[in-house]
Amino acid sequence: VDSNYWSVRVGGGLRLSLLEASDFDIGLLYAYSRTMKLVDFDLAGADSSKDLGHEVDFTVRWHQSELLSLGAGFGILWNGEIWGTSSNSADDLGFRTDSQTMWMWSFDIAVTF
């Protein structure tokens, strides 16, 4: 998908000083994405689609020190027919689903040497 999509993205963030100066970053991103070429699942009864859907991501990063930061994120993707979110769609493994949303969580630790 990386070379076969376009996306409109709008985002922003701010840096907060809660415990020390500039120790927290908060970010919010909205994106709408589609594939440039039709993706055909080649599965009987599955729809082909270009719609990757709408996405909203929220991230928080705590800069514990100059060497260590901890991050967490939450995202939601909805109305992406290519991911199998309609009754006649299938995901890349061929599973059908009636779900209209995909929820994502992320956690990371960054260490600088």
C-alpha atoms as a PDB file:
ATOM      1  CA  VAL A   1       0.000   0.000   0.000  1.00  0.00           C
ATOM      2  CA  ASP A   2       2.898   2.424   0.655  1.00  0.00           C
ATOM      3  CA  SER A   3       3.450   3.126  -3.053  1.00  0.00           C
ATOM      4  CA  ASN A   4      -0.208   2.909  -4.086  1.00  0.00           C
ATOM      5  CA  TYR A   5      -2.029   5.531  -2.036  1.00  0.00           C
ATOM      6  CA  TRP A   6      -2.629   9.222  -1.568  1.00  0.00           C
ATOM      7  CA  SER A   7      -3.700  10.910   1.613  1.00  0.00           C
ATOM      8  CA  VAL A   8      -4.930  14.286   2.806  1.00  0.00           C
ATOM      9  CA  ARG A   9      -3.645  14.927   6.330  1.00  0.00           C
ATOM     10  CA  VAL A  10      -4.259  17.701   8.811  1.00  0.00           C
ATOM     11  CA  GLY A  11      -2.561  17.667  12.184  1.00  0.00           C
ATOM     12  CA  GLY A  12      -1.094  19.670  14.966  1.00  0.00           C
ATOM     13  CA  GLY A  13       0.351  19.478  18.379  1.00  0.00           C
ATOM     14  CA  LEU A  14       1.595  21.365  21.366  1.00  0.00           C
ATOM     15  CA  ARG A  15       4.332  21.104  23.919  1.00  0.00           C
ATOM     16  CA  LEU A  16       3.405  21.346  27.592  1.00  0.00           C
ATOM     17  CA  SER A  17       5.482  22.087  30.645  1.00  0.00           C
ATOM     18  CA  LEU A  18       3.860  20.103  33.441  1.00  0.00           C
ATOM     19  CA  LEU A  19       6.738  18.743  35.516  1.00  0.00           C
ATOM     20  CA  GLU A  20       9.648  20.487  33.796  1.00  0.00           C
ATOM     21  CA  ALA A  21      10.063  22.798  30.827  1.00  0.00           C
ATOM     22  CA  SER A  22       8.730  21.247  27.589  1.00  0.00           C
ATOM     23  CA  ASP A  23       8.400  17.758  29.021  1.00  0.00           C
ATOM     24  CA  PHE A  24       5.170  16.635  27.258  1.00  0.00           C
ATOM     25  CA  ASP A  25       4.194  16.624  23.567  1.00  0.00           C
ATOM     26  CA  ILE A  26       0.579  16.113  22.522  1.00  0.00           C
ATOM     27  CA  GLY A  27      -0.443  15.555  18.914  1.00  0.00           C
ATOM     28  CA  LEU A  28      -3.621  15.068  16.928  1.00  0.00           C
ATOM     29  CA  LEU A  29      -3.869  13.989  13.267  1.00  0.00           C
ATOM     30  CA  TYR A  30      -6.772  13.482  10.854  1.00  0.00           C
ATOM     31  CA  ALA A  31      -6.251  11.735   7.505  1.00  0.00           C
ATOM     32  CA  TYR A  32      -8.370  10.539   4.608  1.00  0.00           C
ATOM     33  CA  SER A  33      -6.678   8.012   2.325  1.00  0.00           C
ATOM     34  CA  ARG A  34      -7.409   6.173  -0.933  1.00  0.00           C
ATOM     35  CA  THR A  35      -5.400   3.871  -3.145  1.00  0.00           C
ATOM     36  CA  MET A  36      -4.338   5.203  -6.541  1.00  0.00           C
ATOM     37  CA  LYS A  37      -5.126   1.907  -8.255  1.00  0.00           C
ATOM     38  CA  LEU A  38      -8.044  -0.413  -7.589  1.00  0.00           C
ATOM     39  CA  VAL A  39      -7.152  -3.217  -5.181  1.00  0.00           C
ATOM     40  CA  ASP A  40      -8.762  -6.476  -6.266  1.00  0.00           C
ATOM     41  CA  PHE A  41      -8.916  -9.170  -3.584  1.00  0.00           C
ATOM     42  CA  ASP A  42      -9.608 -11.849  -6.210  1.00  0.00           C
ATOM     43  CA  LEU A  43     -11.950 -13.593  -3.777  1.00  0.00           C
ATOM     44  CA  ALA A  44     -15.400 -14.768  -4.778  1.00  0.00           C
ATOM     45  CA  GLY A  45     -18.000 -12.278  -3.544  1.00  0.00           C
ATOM     46  CA  ALA A  46     -15.474  -9.709  -2.261  1.00  0.00           C
ATOM     47  CA  ASP A  47     -15.729  -6.119  -3.466  1.00  0.00           C
ATOM     48  CA  SER A  48     -12.740  -4.370  -4.986  1.00  0.00           C
ATOM     49  CA  SER A  49     -12.077  -0.964  -3.473  1.00  0.00           C
ATOM     50  CA  LYS A  50      -9.923   2.159  -3.441  1.00  0.00           C
ATOM     51  CA  ASP A  51     -11.148   3.516  -0.090  1.00  0.00           C
ATOM     52  CA  LEU A  52      -8.638   3.237   2.786  1.00  0.00           C
ATOM     53  CA  GLY A  53     -10.885   5.312   5.054  1.00  0.00           C
ATOM     54  CA  HIS A  54     -10.715   8.104   7.615  1.00  0.00           C
ATOM     55  CA  GLU A  55      -8.194   8.075  10.454  1.00  0.00           C
ATOM     56  CA  VAL A  56      -7.731  10.052  13.660  1.00  0.00           C
ATOM     57  CA  ASP A  57      -4.576   9.605  15.765  1.00  0.00           C
ATOM     58  CA  PHE A  58      -3.845  11.034  19.214  1.00  0.00           C
ATOM     59  CA  THR A  59      -0.328  10.844  20.682  1.00  0.00           C
ATOM     60  CA  VAL A  60       1.311  11.776  23.979  1.00  0.00           C
ATOM     61  CA  ARG A  61       5.069  11.760  24.593  1.00  0.00           C
ATOM     62  CA  TRP A  62       6.771  12.343  27.956  1.00  0.00           C
ATOM     63  CA  HIS A  63      10.374  13.500  27.747  1.00  0.00           C
ATOM     64  CA  GLN A  64      11.600  12.029  31.010  1.00  0.00           C
ATOM     65  CA  SER A  65      15.120  13.307  30.343  1.00  0.00           C
ATOM     66  CA  GLU A  66      17.347  14.261  27.414  1.00  0.00           C
ATOM     67  CA  LEU A  67      18.088  10.557  26.983  1.00  0.00           C
ATOM     68  CA  LEU A  68      14.707   8.896  27.567  1.00  0.00           C
ATOM     69  CA  SER A  69      11.167   9.505  26.344  1.00  0.00           C
ATOM     70  CA  LEU A  70       8.013   7.416  26.601  1.00  0.00           C
ATOM     71  CA  GLY A  71       5.173   7.641  24.120  1.00  0.00           C
ATOM     72  CA  ALA A  72       1.643   6.348  23.773  1.00  0.00           C
ATOM     73  CA  GLY A  73      -0.867   6.692  20.985  1.00  0.00           C
ATOM     74  CA  PHE A  74      -4.433   5.868  20.140  1.00  0.00           C
ATOM     75  CA  GLY A  75      -5.929   5.749  16.669  1.00  0.00           C
ATOM     76  CA  ILE A  76      -9.183   4.930  15.007  1.00  0.00           C
ATOM     77  CA  LEU A  77      -9.759   4.074  11.350  1.00  0.00           C
ATOM     78  CA  TRP A  78     -13.289   3.933   9.974  1.00  0.00           C
ATOM     79  CA  ASN A  79     -15.184   3.467   6.696  1.00  0.00           C
ATOM     80  CA  GLY A  80     -12.211   1.807   5.002  1.00  0.00           C
ATOM     81  CA  GLU A  81     -13.804  -0.671   2.622  1.00  0.00           C
ATOM     82  CA  ILE A  82     -10.422  -2.072   1.605  1.00  0.00           C
ATOM     83  CA  TRP A  83      -9.869  -3.355   5.170  1.00  0.00           C
ATOM     84  CA  GLY A  84     -13.010  -5.445   5.141  1.00  0.00           C
ATOM     85  CA  THR A  85     -15.359  -3.024   6.874  1.00  0.00           C
ATOM     86  CA  SER A  86     -18.334  -3.716   4.623  1.00  0.00           C
ATOM     87  CA  SER A  87     -20.217  -6.976   4.373  1.00  0.00           C
ATOM     88  CA  ASN A  88     -18.790  -7.822   0.933  1.00  0.00           C
ATOM     89  CA  SER A  89     -15.194  -6.851   1.660  1.00  0.00           C
ATOM     90  CA  ALA A  90     -12.299  -9.008   2.763  1.00  0.00           C
ATOM     91  CA  ASP A  91      -9.022  -8.225   4.498  1.00  0.00           C
ATOM     92  CA  ASP A  92      -5.646  -9.430   3.206  1.00  0.00           C
ATOM     93  CA  LEU A  93      -6.148 -12.826   4.848  1.00  0.00           C
ATOM     94  CA  GLY A  94      -9.586 -13.307   3.303  1.00  0.00           C
ATOM     95  CA  PHE A  95     -11.640 -12.762   6.457  1.00  0.00           C
ATOM     96  CA  ARG A  96     -14.970 -11.033   6.107  1.00  0.00           C
ATOM     97  CA  THR A  97     -16.175  -8.661   8.792  1.00  0.00           C
ATOM     98  CA  ASP A  98     -19.080  -6.325   9.432  1.00  0.00           C
ATOM     99  CA  SER A  99     -17.025  -4.050  11.680  1.00  0.00           C
ATOM    100  CA  GLN A 100     -17.102  -0.362  10.797  1.00  0.00           C
ATOM    101  CA  THR A 101     -14.020   0.664  12.807  1.00  0.00           C
ATOM    102  CA  MET A 102     -10.464  -0.409  13.534  1.00  0.00           C
ATOM    103  CA  TRP A 103      -8.911   0.640  16.874  1.00  0.00           C
ATOM    104  CA  MET A 104      -5.136   0.938  17.337  1.00  0.00           C
ATOM    105  CA  TRP A 105      -2.941   1.475  20.394  1.00  0.00           C
ATOM    106  CA  SER A 106       0.794   2.131  20.388  1.00  0.00           C
ATOM    107  CA  PHE A 107       3.467   2.381  23.066  1.00  0.00           C
ATOM    108  CA  ASP A 108       7.135   3.166  22.585  1.00  0.00           C
ATOM    109  CA  ILE A 109      10.313   3.917  24.452  1.00  0.00           C
ATOM    110  CA  ALA A 110      13.011   6.066  22.868  1.00  0.00           C
ATOM    111  CA  VAL A 111      16.563   6.040  24.204  1.00  0.00           C
ATOM    112  CA  THR A 112      19.231   8.427  22.905  1.00  0.00           C
ATOM    113  CA  PHE A 113      22.911   7.607  23.256  1.00  0.00           C
END
